[in-house]
């Protein structure tokens, strides 16, 4: 098909046809066009011998990990548990700059699991299922979830640094924008395969930035946490992009990463709930 386009561009009529002897597909040209056709095809290969536009993909299409649904259900359970008023999760779990500065570091993680109201939860869950599912599919179930959680904590750290006065926040939006950063950075692995793949890497990162502008700069939201999560995701994705896929998708690696996520949530919420009188 590529050759036929080359010949058509040179004014040489051609037909793609299956060979009668069963050797495969080929091009049929008029006898007087045979030599000019061969010359055009040779020149095409000569001019494009260093153009890496055709690449082997590691997986066909894209991978989506439905484990993201479990995480989003966990967020729903946290919201429901908090709304029952049996335990006030927000008072000791929400992000509070003054409290974190005084030593309550666990809020960097617990705040990710809390939401202000039902629309806030619905917005994060609807987008989170997609972006987290793609992140977990790309980097591995446990590895992707751990990286996304750390990116969310990075968004809260950004708020801690930027906001000098009292500041409180909660929600998984920093984690979700962290997933966007992780996905934007995955193209960095092309540098390991093709040293001259800069334009592909740049276009992927720029695409991620454009999506961040679309989703992360909504008025009335915590833009600093969004930006911090996105940048942290980019950094973590840049590191993971140079880790071999066989390691990222190794069942043991993902099991350990998943256990670390569970341990982080158990430890941080144990510390938070331990302060409730």
C-alpha atoms as a PDB file:
ATOM      1  CA  UNK A   1       0.000   0.000   0.000  1.00  0.00           C
ATOM      2  CA  UNK A   2       2.872   2.364   0.763  1.00  0.00           C
ATOM      3  CA  UNK A   3       4.481   1.609  -2.569  1.00  0.00           C
ATOM      4  CA  UNK A   4       1.220   2.169  -4.438  1.00  0.00           C
ATOM      5  CA  UNK A   5       0.939   5.655  -2.915  1.00  0.00           C
ATOM      6  CA  UNK A   6       4.510   6.382  -3.955  1.00  0.00           C
ATOM      7  CA  UNK A   7       3.786   5.320  -7.541  1.00  0.00           C
ATOM      8  CA  UNK A   8       0.514   7.256  -7.720  1.00  0.00           C
ATOM      9  CA  UNK A   9       2.381  10.369  -6.557  1.00  0.00           C
ATOM     10  CA  UNK A  10       4.691   9.896  -9.541  1.00  0.00           C
ATOM     11  CA  UNK A  11       1.834   9.505 -12.025  1.00  0.00           C
ATOM     12  CA  UNK A  12       2.274   5.737 -12.381  1.00  0.00           C
ATOM     13  CA  UNK A  13      -0.993   3.803 -12.420  1.00  0.00           C
ATOM     14  CA  UNK A  14      -0.938   0.685 -10.262  1.00  0.00           C
ATOM     15  CA  UNK A  15      -3.241  -2.015  -8.914  1.00  0.00           C
ATOM     16  CA  UNK A  16      -2.762  -3.964  -5.673  1.00  0.00           C
ATOM     17  CA  UNK A  17      -3.447  -7.616  -6.437  1.00  0.00           C
ATOM     18  CA  UNK A  18      -2.895 -11.098  -5.017  1.00  0.00           C
ATOM     19  CA  UNK A  19      -0.298 -13.130  -6.846  1.00  0.00           C
ATOM     20  CA  UNK A  20      -1.677 -16.097  -8.813  1.00  0.00           C
ATOM     21  CA  UNK A  21       1.133 -18.344  -7.565  1.00  0.00           C
ATOM     22  CA  UNK A  22       0.162 -17.614  -3.940  1.00  0.00           C
ATOM     23  CA  UNK A  23       3.367 -15.773  -2.973  1.00  0.00           C
ATOM     24  CA  UNK A  24       1.449 -12.791  -1.595  1.00  0.00           C
ATOM     25  CA  UNK A  25       0.228  -9.315  -2.436  1.00  0.00           C
ATOM     26  CA  UNK A  26       1.955  -7.227  -5.068  1.00  0.00           C
ATOM     27  CA  UNK A  27       1.638  -4.287  -7.436  1.00  0.00           C
ATOM     28  CA  UNK A  28       0.589  -4.572 -11.056  1.00  0.00           C
ATOM     29  CA  UNK A  29       1.896  -1.844 -13.385  1.00  0.00           C
ATOM     30  CA  UNK A  30       2.057  -1.453 -17.124  1.00  0.00           C
ATOM     31  CA  UNK A  31       5.147  -2.990 -18.724  1.00  0.00           C
ATOM     32  CA  UNK A  32       6.471   0.408 -19.840  1.00  0.00           C
ATOM     33  CA  UNK A  33       6.209   1.650 -16.237  1.00  0.00           C
ATOM     34  CA  UNK A  34       8.155  -1.246 -14.717  1.00  0.00           C
ATOM     35  CA  UNK A  35      11.592   0.393 -14.555  1.00  0.00           C
ATOM     36  CA  UNK A  36      10.301   3.858 -13.473  1.00  0.00           C
ATOM     37  CA  UNK A  37       8.242   2.123 -10.741  1.00  0.00           C
ATOM     38  CA  UNK A  38      11.259   0.238  -9.403  1.00  0.00           C
ATOM     39  CA  UNK A  39      13.312   3.441  -9.471  1.00  0.00           C
ATOM     40  CA  UNK A  40      10.629   5.385  -7.543  1.00  0.00           C
ATOM     41  CA  UNK A  41      10.330   2.668  -4.876  1.00  0.00           C
ATOM     42  CA  UNK A  42      14.116   2.489  -4.446  1.00  0.00           C
ATOM     43  CA  UNK A  43      14.270   6.268  -4.057  1.00  0.00           C
ATOM     44  CA  UNK A  44      11.422   6.146  -1.514  1.00  0.00           C
ATOM     45  CA  UNK A  45      13.329   3.661   0.652  1.00  0.00           C
ATOM     46  CA  UNK A  46      16.562   5.629   0.264  1.00  0.00           C
ATOM     47  CA  UNK A  47      14.987   8.891   1.408  1.00  0.00           C
ATOM     48  CA  UNK A  48      13.173   7.340   4.369  1.00  0.00           C
ATOM     49  CA  UNK A  49      15.782   4.894   5.640  1.00  0.00           C
ATOM     50  CA  UNK A  50      16.279   6.915   8.891  1.00  0.00           C
ATOM     51  CA  UNK A  51      12.656   7.892   9.476  1.00  0.00           C
ATOM     52  CA  UNK A  52      11.375   5.868  12.466  1.00  0.00           C
ATOM     53  CA  UNK A  53       7.693   6.569  11.886  1.00  0.00           C
ATOM     54  CA  UNK A  54       6.844   2.891  11.888  1.00  0.00           C
ATOM     55  CA  UNK A  55       7.425   1.298  15.271  1.00  0.00           C
ATOM     56  CA  UNK A  56       6.738  -1.975  16.996  1.00  0.00           C
ATOM     57  CA  UNK A  57       4.132  -1.576  19.725  1.00  0.00           C
ATOM     58  CA  UNK A  58       4.495  -3.468  22.982  1.00  0.00           C
ATOM     59  CA  UNK A  59       0.771  -4.244  23.134  1.00  0.00           C
ATOM     60  CA  UNK A  60      -1.997  -3.974  20.533  1.00  0.00           C
ATOM     61  CA  UNK A  61      -4.242  -0.978  21.129  1.00  0.00           C
ATOM     62  CA  UNK A  62      -4.473   0.149  24.731  1.00  0.00           C
ATOM     63  CA  UNK A  63      -4.867  -1.739  27.994  1.00  0.00           C
ATOM     64  CA  UNK A  64      -7.584  -0.927  30.487  1.00  0.00           C
ATOM     65  CA  UNK A  65      -7.502  -2.367  33.993  1.00  0.00           C
ATOM     66  CA  UNK A  66     -10.958  -2.762  35.509  1.00  0.00           C
ATOM     67  CA  UNK A  67      -9.346  -2.796  38.943  1.00  0.00           C
ATOM     68  CA  UNK A  68      -9.951   0.976  38.877  1.00  0.00           C
ATOM     69  CA  UNK A  69     -13.619   0.209  39.554  1.00  0.00           C
ATOM     70  CA  UNK A  70     -12.649  -1.360  42.900  1.00  0.00           C
ATOM     71  CA  UNK A  71     -10.749   1.781  43.908  1.00  0.00           C
ATOM     72  CA  UNK A  72     -13.681   3.992  42.948  1.00  0.00           C
ATOM     73  CA  UNK A  73     -16.044   1.754  44.947  1.00  0.00           C
ATOM     74  CA  UNK A  74     -13.697   2.212  47.898  1.00  0.00           C
ATOM     75  CA  UNK A  75     -14.084   5.990  47.527  1.00  0.00           C
ATOM     76  CA  UNK A  76     -17.862   5.547  47.538  1.00  0.00           C
ATOM     77  CA  UNK A  77     -17.616   3.487  50.737  1.00  0.00           C
ATOM     78  CA  UNK A  78     -15.460   6.129  52.407  1.00  0.00           C
ATOM     79  CA  UNK A  79     -18.018   8.774  51.470  1.00  0.00           C
ATOM     80  CA  UNK A  80     -20.931   6.661  52.718  1.00  0.00           C
ATOM     81  CA  UNK A  81     -19.158   5.856  55.969  1.00  0.00           C
ATOM     82  CA  UNK A  82     -18.412   9.530  56.548  1.00  0.00           C
ATOM     83  CA  UNK A  83     -22.001  10.556  55.794  1.00  0.00           C
ATOM     84  CA  UNK A  84     -23.427   8.133  58.367  1.00  0.00           C
ATOM     85  CA  UNK A  85     -21.974  10.466  61.041  1.00  0.00           C
ATOM     86  CA  UNK A  86     -20.856   7.427  63.023  1.00  0.00           C
ATOM     87  CA  UNK A  87     -17.306   8.770  62.779  1.00  0.00           C
ATOM     88  CA  UNK A  88     -16.256  12.243  61.645  1.00  0.00           C
ATOM     89  CA  UNK A  89     -13.634  11.320  59.048  1.00  0.00           C
ATOM     90  CA  UNK A  90     -13.126  14.833  57.721  1.00  0.00           C
ATOM     91  CA  UNK A  91     -12.016  16.451  60.971  1.00  0.00           C
ATOM     92  CA  UNK A  92      -8.911  14.258  61.211  1.00  0.00           C
ATOM     93  CA  UNK A  93      -8.588  13.073  57.602  1.00  0.00           C
ATOM     94  CA  UNK A  94      -8.976  16.147  55.408  1.00  0.00           C
ATOM     95  CA  UNK A  95      -5.954  18.086  54.210  1.00  0.00           C
ATOM     96  CA  UNK A  96      -5.141  20.868  56.681  1.00  0.00           C
ATOM     97  CA  UNK A  97      -1.901  22.794  56.205  1.00  0.00           C
ATOM     98  CA  UNK A  98      -1.618  23.796  59.851  1.00  0.00           C
ATOM     99  CA  UNK A  99      -2.250  20.238  61.073  1.00  0.00           C
ATOM    100  CA  UNK A 100       0.220  18.694  58.611  1.00  0.00           C
ATOM    101  CA  UNK A 101       2.850  21.251  59.582  1.00  0.00           C
ATOM    102  CA  UNK A 102       2.353  20.247  63.218  1.00  0.00           C
ATOM    103  CA  UNK A 103       3.086  16.593  62.403  1.00  0.00           C
ATOM    104  CA  UNK A 104      -0.163  15.087  61.080  1.00  0.00           C
ATOM    105  CA  UNK A 105       1.466  13.892  57.845  1.00  0.00           C
ATOM    106  CA  UNK A 106      -1.147  11.196  57.252  1.00  0.00           C
ATOM    107  CA  UNK A 107      -3.582  13.818  55.982  1.00  0.00           C
ATOM    108  CA  UNK A 108      -1.571  13.926  52.730  1.00  0.00           C
ATOM    109  CA  UNK A 109      -3.010  10.458  51.998  1.00  0.00           C
ATOM    110  CA  UNK A 110      -6.295  10.273  53.902  1.00  0.00           C
ATOM    111  CA  UNK A 111      -7.588  13.462  52.254  1.00  0.00           C
ATOM    112  CA  UNK A 112      -7.476  11.657  48.887  1.00  0.00           C
ATOM    113  CA  UNK A 113     -10.202   9.247  49.999  1.00  0.00           C
ATOM    114  CA  UNK A 114     -12.633  11.940  51.200  1.00  0.00           C
ATOM    115  CA  UNK A 115     -15.118  14.108  49.279  1.00  0.00           C
ATOM    116  CA  UNK A 116     -17.159  17.157  50.212  1.00  0.00           C
ATOM    117  CA  UNK A 117     -20.478  16.105  48.673  1.00  0.00           C
ATOM    118  CA  UNK A 118     -22.096  13.725  46.200  1.00  0.00           C
ATOM    119  CA  UNK A 119     -21.428  15.811  43.023  1.00  0.00           C
ATOM    120  CA  UNK A 120     -17.761  16.092  44.049  1.00  0.00           C
ATOM    121  CA  UNK A 121     -17.568  12.322  44.477  1.00  0.00           C
ATOM    122  CA  UNK A 122     -19.432  11.617  41.220  1.00  0.00           C
ATOM    123  CA  UNK A 123     -17.127  13.880  39.196  1.00  0.00           C
ATOM    124  CA  UNK A 124     -13.968  12.236  40.522  1.00  0.00           C
ATOM    125  CA  UNK A 125     -15.302   8.692  40.227  1.00  0.00           C
ATOM    126  CA  UNK A 126     -16.554   9.110  36.639  1.00  0.00           C
ATOM    127  CA  UNK A 127     -13.241  10.481  35.365  1.00  0.00           C
ATOM    128  CA  UNK A 128     -11.147   8.429  37.779  1.00  0.00           C
ATOM    129  CA  UNK A 129     -12.435   5.069  36.518  1.00  0.00           C
ATOM    130  CA  UNK A 130     -11.136   5.884  33.033  1.00  0.00           C
ATOM    131  CA  UNK A 131      -7.796   7.549  33.806  1.00  0.00           C
ATOM    132  CA  UNK A 132      -6.881   5.219  36.666  1.00  0.00           C
ATOM    133  CA  UNK A 133      -7.901   2.186  34.587  1.00  0.00           C
ATOM    134  CA  UNK A 134      -5.608   3.290  31.745  1.00  0.00           C
ATOM    135  CA  UNK A 135      -2.787   4.033  34.198  1.00  0.00           C
ATOM    136  CA  UNK A 136      -3.079   0.623  35.855  1.00  0.00           C
ATOM    137  CA  UNK A 137      -3.258  -1.008  32.431  1.00  0.00           C
ATOM    138  CA  UNK A 138      -0.081   0.751  31.302  1.00  0.00           C
ATOM    139  CA  UNK A 139       2.075   0.374  34.394  1.00  0.00           C
ATOM    140  CA  UNK A 140       0.528  -2.653  36.098  1.00  0.00           C
ATOM    141  CA  UNK A 141      -2.378  -2.979  38.526  1.00  0.00           C
ATOM    142  CA  UNK A 142      -0.451  -2.470  41.762  1.00  0.00           C
ATOM    143  CA  UNK A 143       2.313  -0.270  40.360  1.00  0.00           C
ATOM    144  CA  UNK A 144      -0.140   2.054  38.605  1.00  0.00           C
ATOM    145  CA  UNK A 145      -2.332   2.393  41.686  1.00  0.00           C
ATOM    146  CA  UNK A 146       0.642   3.087  43.961  1.00  0.00           C
ATOM    147  CA  UNK A 147       2.055   5.681  41.550  1.00  0.00           C
ATOM    148  CA  UNK A 148      -1.344   7.379  41.259  1.00  0.00           C
ATOM    149  CA  UNK A 149      -1.743   7.489  45.047  1.00  0.00           C
ATOM    150  CA  UNK A 150       1.732   9.007  45.456  1.00  0.00           C
ATOM    151  CA  UNK A 151       0.890  11.562  42.767  1.00  0.00           C
ATOM    152  CA  UNK A 152      -2.235  12.511  44.708  1.00  0.00           C
ATOM    153  CA  UNK A 153      -0.127  12.972  47.838  1.00  0.00           C
ATOM    154  CA  UNK A 154       2.239  15.083  45.741  1.00  0.00           C
ATOM    155  CA  UNK A 155      -0.673  17.354  44.885  1.00  0.00           C
ATOM    156  CA  UNK A 156      -1.368  17.835  48.595  1.00  0.00           C
ATOM    157  CA  UNK A 157       2.318  18.548  49.212  1.00  0.00           C
ATOM    158  CA  UNK A 158       2.121  21.270  46.552  1.00  0.00           C
ATOM    159  CA  UNK A 159      -0.766  22.853  48.447  1.00  0.00           C
ATOM    160  CA  UNK A 160       1.247  22.655  51.644  1.00  0.00           C
ATOM    161  CA  UNK A 161       4.107  24.527  49.982  1.00  0.00           C
ATOM    162  CA  UNK A 162       2.124  27.126  48.038  1.00  0.00           C
ATOM    163  CA  UNK A 163      -0.572  28.068  50.546  1.00  0.00           C
ATOM    164  CA  UNK A 164       1.101  29.853  53.458  1.00  0.00           C
ATOM    165  CA  UNK A 165      -2.087  30.642  55.354  1.00  0.00           C
ATOM    166  CA  UNK A 166      -4.761  28.254  56.654  1.00  0.00           C
ATOM    167  CA  UNK A 167      -5.908  25.916  53.912  1.00  0.00           C
ATOM    168  CA  UNK A 168      -8.144  22.846  53.959  1.00  0.00           C
ATOM    169  CA  UNK A 169      -8.958  20.524  51.068  1.00  0.00           C
ATOM    170  CA  UNK A 170     -10.040  16.985  50.271  1.00  0.00           C
ATOM    171  CA  UNK A 171     -10.757  14.807  47.255  1.00  0.00           C
ATOM    172  CA  UNK A 172      -9.128  12.460  44.750  1.00  0.00           C
ATOM    173  CA  UNK A 173      -8.793  15.012  41.939  1.00  0.00           C
ATOM    174  CA  UNK A 174      -5.039  15.431  42.534  1.00  0.00           C
ATOM    175  CA  UNK A 175      -4.652  11.665  42.179  1.00  0.00           C
ATOM    176  CA  UNK A 176      -6.737  11.654  38.991  1.00  0.00           C
ATOM    177  CA  UNK A 177      -4.686  14.462  37.444  1.00  0.00           C
ATOM    178  CA  UNK A 178      -1.626  12.487  38.563  1.00  0.00           C
ATOM    179  CA  UNK A 179      -2.905   9.622  36.391  1.00  0.00           C
ATOM    180  CA  UNK A 180      -3.035  12.039  33.469  1.00  0.00           C
ATOM    181  CA  UNK A 181       0.602  12.961  34.114  1.00  0.00           C
ATOM    182  CA  UNK A 182       1.578   9.289  34.302  1.00  0.00           C
ATOM    183  CA  UNK A 183      -0.115   8.594  30.980  1.00  0.00           C
ATOM    184  CA  UNK A 184       1.472  11.638  29.324  1.00  0.00           C
ATOM    185  CA  UNK A 185       4.937  10.490  30.421  1.00  0.00           C
ATOM    186  CA  UNK A 186       4.647   6.926  29.140  1.00  0.00           C
ATOM    187  CA  UNK A 187       6.009   7.956  25.723  1.00  0.00           C
ATOM    188  CA  UNK A 188       9.402   8.636  27.349  1.00  0.00           C
ATOM    189  CA  UNK A 189      10.081   4.905  26.948  1.00  0.00           C
ATOM    190  CA  UNK A 190      10.471   5.573  23.205  1.00  0.00           C
ATOM    191  CA  UNK A 191      13.803   7.279  23.935  1.00  0.00           C
ATOM    192  CA  UNK A 192      15.140   3.919  25.082  1.00  0.00           C
ATOM    193  CA  UNK A 193      13.972   2.280  21.849  1.00  0.00           C
ATOM    194  CA  UNK A 194      14.561   5.155  19.387  1.00  0.00           C
ATOM    195  CA  UNK A 195      17.025   7.915  20.367  1.00  0.00           C
ATOM    196  CA  UNK A 196      15.544  10.288  17.755  1.00  0.00           C
ATOM    197  CA  UNK A 197      11.931   9.900  18.905  1.00  0.00           C
ATOM    198  CA  UNK A 198      11.854  13.358  20.499  1.00  0.00           C
ATOM    199  CA  UNK A 199       8.876  14.613  18.504  1.00  0.00           C
ATOM    200  CA  UNK A 200       6.725  11.702  19.662  1.00  0.00           C
ATOM    201  CA  UNK A 201       7.639  12.296  23.295  1.00  0.00           C
ATOM    202  CA  UNK A 202       7.027  16.055  23.045  1.00  0.00           C
ATOM    203  CA  UNK A 203       3.654  15.612  21.331  1.00  0.00           C
ATOM    204  CA  UNK A 204       2.547  13.111  24.002  1.00  0.00           C
ATOM    205  CA  UNK A 205       3.518  15.420  26.874  1.00  0.00           C
ATOM    206  CA  UNK A 206       1.903  18.415  25.167  1.00  0.00           C
ATOM    207  CA  UNK A 207      -1.272  16.383  24.691  1.00  0.00           C
ATOM    208  CA  UNK A 208      -1.267  15.624  28.415  1.00  0.00           C
ATOM    209  CA  UNK A 209      -0.794  19.305  29.227  1.00  0.00           C
ATOM    210  CA  UNK A 210      -3.728  20.270  26.997  1.00  0.00           C
ATOM    211  CA  UNK A 211      -5.950  17.727  28.771  1.00  0.00           C
ATOM    212  CA  UNK A 212      -4.743  19.073  32.111  1.00  0.00           C
ATOM    213  CA  UNK A 213      -5.825  22.565  31.074  1.00  0.00           C
ATOM    214  CA  UNK A 214      -9.222  21.136  30.135  1.00  0.00           C
ATOM    215  CA  UNK A 215      -9.801  19.118  33.328  1.00  0.00           C
ATOM    216  CA  UNK A 216      -7.482  20.645  35.910  1.00  0.00           C
ATOM    217  CA  UNK A 217      -8.096  24.379  35.670  1.00  0.00           C
ATOM    218  CA  UNK A 218     -11.811  24.377  36.403  1.00  0.00           C
ATOM    219  CA  UNK A 219     -12.770  27.499  38.408  1.00  0.00           C
ATOM    220  CA  UNK A 220     -13.642  26.807  42.019  1.00  0.00           C
ATOM    221  CA  UNK A 221     -11.413  23.742  42.322  1.00  0.00           C
ATOM    222  CA  UNK A 222      -8.054  23.285  44.053  1.00  0.00           C
ATOM    223  CA  UNK A 223      -5.886  24.116  41.049  1.00  0.00           C
ATOM    224  CA  UNK A 224      -2.647  23.921  43.049  1.00  0.00           C
ATOM    225  CA  UNK A 225      -3.398  20.329  44.109  1.00  0.00           C
ATOM    226  CA  UNK A 226      -4.315  19.497  40.508  1.00  0.00           C
ATOM    227  CA  UNK A 227      -1.067  20.944  39.190  1.00  0.00           C
ATOM    228  CA  UNK A 228       0.987  19.279  41.919  1.00  0.00           C
ATOM    229  CA  UNK A 229      -0.616  15.910  41.180  1.00  0.00           C
ATOM    230  CA  UNK A 230      -0.076  16.292  37.439  1.00  0.00           C
ATOM    231  CA  UNK A 231       3.588  17.280  37.794  1.00  0.00           C
ATOM    232  CA  UNK A 232       4.221  14.479  40.305  1.00  0.00           C
ATOM    233  CA  UNK A 233       2.587  12.061  37.871  1.00  0.00           C
ATOM    234  CA  UNK A 234       4.848  13.295  35.086  1.00  0.00           C
ATOM    235  CA  UNK A 235       7.935  12.763  37.250  1.00  0.00           C
ATOM    236  CA  UNK A 236       6.885   9.300  38.407  1.00  0.00           C
ATOM    237  CA  UNK A 237       5.878   8.354  34.866  1.00  0.00           C
ATOM    238  CA  UNK A 238       9.270   9.558  33.611  1.00  0.00           C
ATOM    239  CA  UNK A 239      10.974   7.204  36.052  1.00  0.00           C
ATOM    240  CA  UNK A 240       8.692   4.238  35.355  1.00  0.00           C
ATOM    241  CA  UNK A 241       8.997   4.730  31.590  1.00  0.00           C
ATOM    242  CA  UNK A 242      12.592   3.504  31.786  1.00  0.00           C
ATOM    243  CA  UNK A 243      11.690   0.398  33.795  1.00  0.00           C
ATOM    244  CA  UNK A 244      11.248  -2.709  31.675  1.00  0.00           C
ATOM    245  CA  UNK A 245       7.664  -3.807  31.050  1.00  0.00           C
ATOM    246  CA  UNK A 246       8.527  -7.314  32.260  1.00  0.00           C
ATOM    247  CA  UNK A 247       9.290  -5.816  35.692  1.00  0.00           C
ATOM    248  CA  UNK A 248       6.307  -3.453  35.818  1.00  0.00           C
ATOM    249  CA  UNK A 249       3.831  -6.175  34.889  1.00  0.00           C
ATOM    250  CA  UNK A 250       5.444  -8.887  36.985  1.00  0.00           C
ATOM    251  CA  UNK A 251       2.796 -10.352  39.347  1.00  0.00           C
ATOM    252  CA  UNK A 252       5.184 -10.151  42.331  1.00  0.00           C
ATOM    253  CA  UNK A 253       5.948  -6.479  41.644  1.00  0.00           C
ATOM    254  CA  UNK A 254       2.268  -5.639  41.475  1.00  0.00           C
ATOM    255  CA  UNK A 255       1.460  -7.697  44.556  1.00  0.00           C
ATOM    256  CA  UNK A 256       4.086  -5.832  46.590  1.00  0.00           C
ATOM    257  CA  UNK A 257       2.878  -2.491  45.211  1.00  0.00           C
ATOM    258  CA  UNK A 258      -0.734  -3.341  46.020  1.00  0.00           C
ATOM    259  CA  UNK A 259       0.234  -4.333  49.561  1.00  0.00           C
ATOM    260  CA  UNK A 260       2.056  -1.007  49.943  1.00  0.00           C
ATOM    261  CA  UNK A 261      -1.125   0.826  48.923  1.00  0.00           C
ATOM    262  CA  UNK A 262      -3.141  -1.142  51.461  1.00  0.00           C
ATOM    263  CA  UNK A 263      -0.499  -0.573  54.137  1.00  0.00           C
ATOM    264  CA  UNK A 264      -0.407   3.170  53.446  1.00  0.00           C
ATOM    265  CA  UNK A 265      -4.169   3.472  53.788  1.00  0.00           C
ATOM    266  CA  UNK A 266      -4.329   1.292  56.907  1.00  0.00           C
ATOM    267  CA  UNK A 267      -1.492   3.120  58.670  1.00  0.00           C
ATOM    268  CA  UNK A 268      -2.622   6.617  57.750  1.00  0.00           C
ATOM    269  CA  UNK A 269      -6.264   6.028  58.652  1.00  0.00           C
ATOM    270  CA  UNK A 270      -5.256   4.270  61.875  1.00  0.00           C
ATOM    271  CA  UNK A 271      -3.308   7.379  62.852  1.00  0.00           C
ATOM    272  CA  UNK A 272      -6.220   9.623  61.841  1.00  0.00           C
ATOM    273  CA  UNK A 273      -8.885   7.625  63.670  1.00  0.00           C
ATOM    274  CA  UNK A 274      -6.649   7.274  66.705  1.00  0.00           C
ATOM    275  CA  UNK A 275      -6.973  11.036  67.269  1.00  0.00           C
ATOM    276  CA  UNK A 276     -10.770  10.952  67.355  1.00  0.00           C
ATOM    277  CA  UNK A 277     -12.020  11.254  70.917  1.00  0.00           C
END
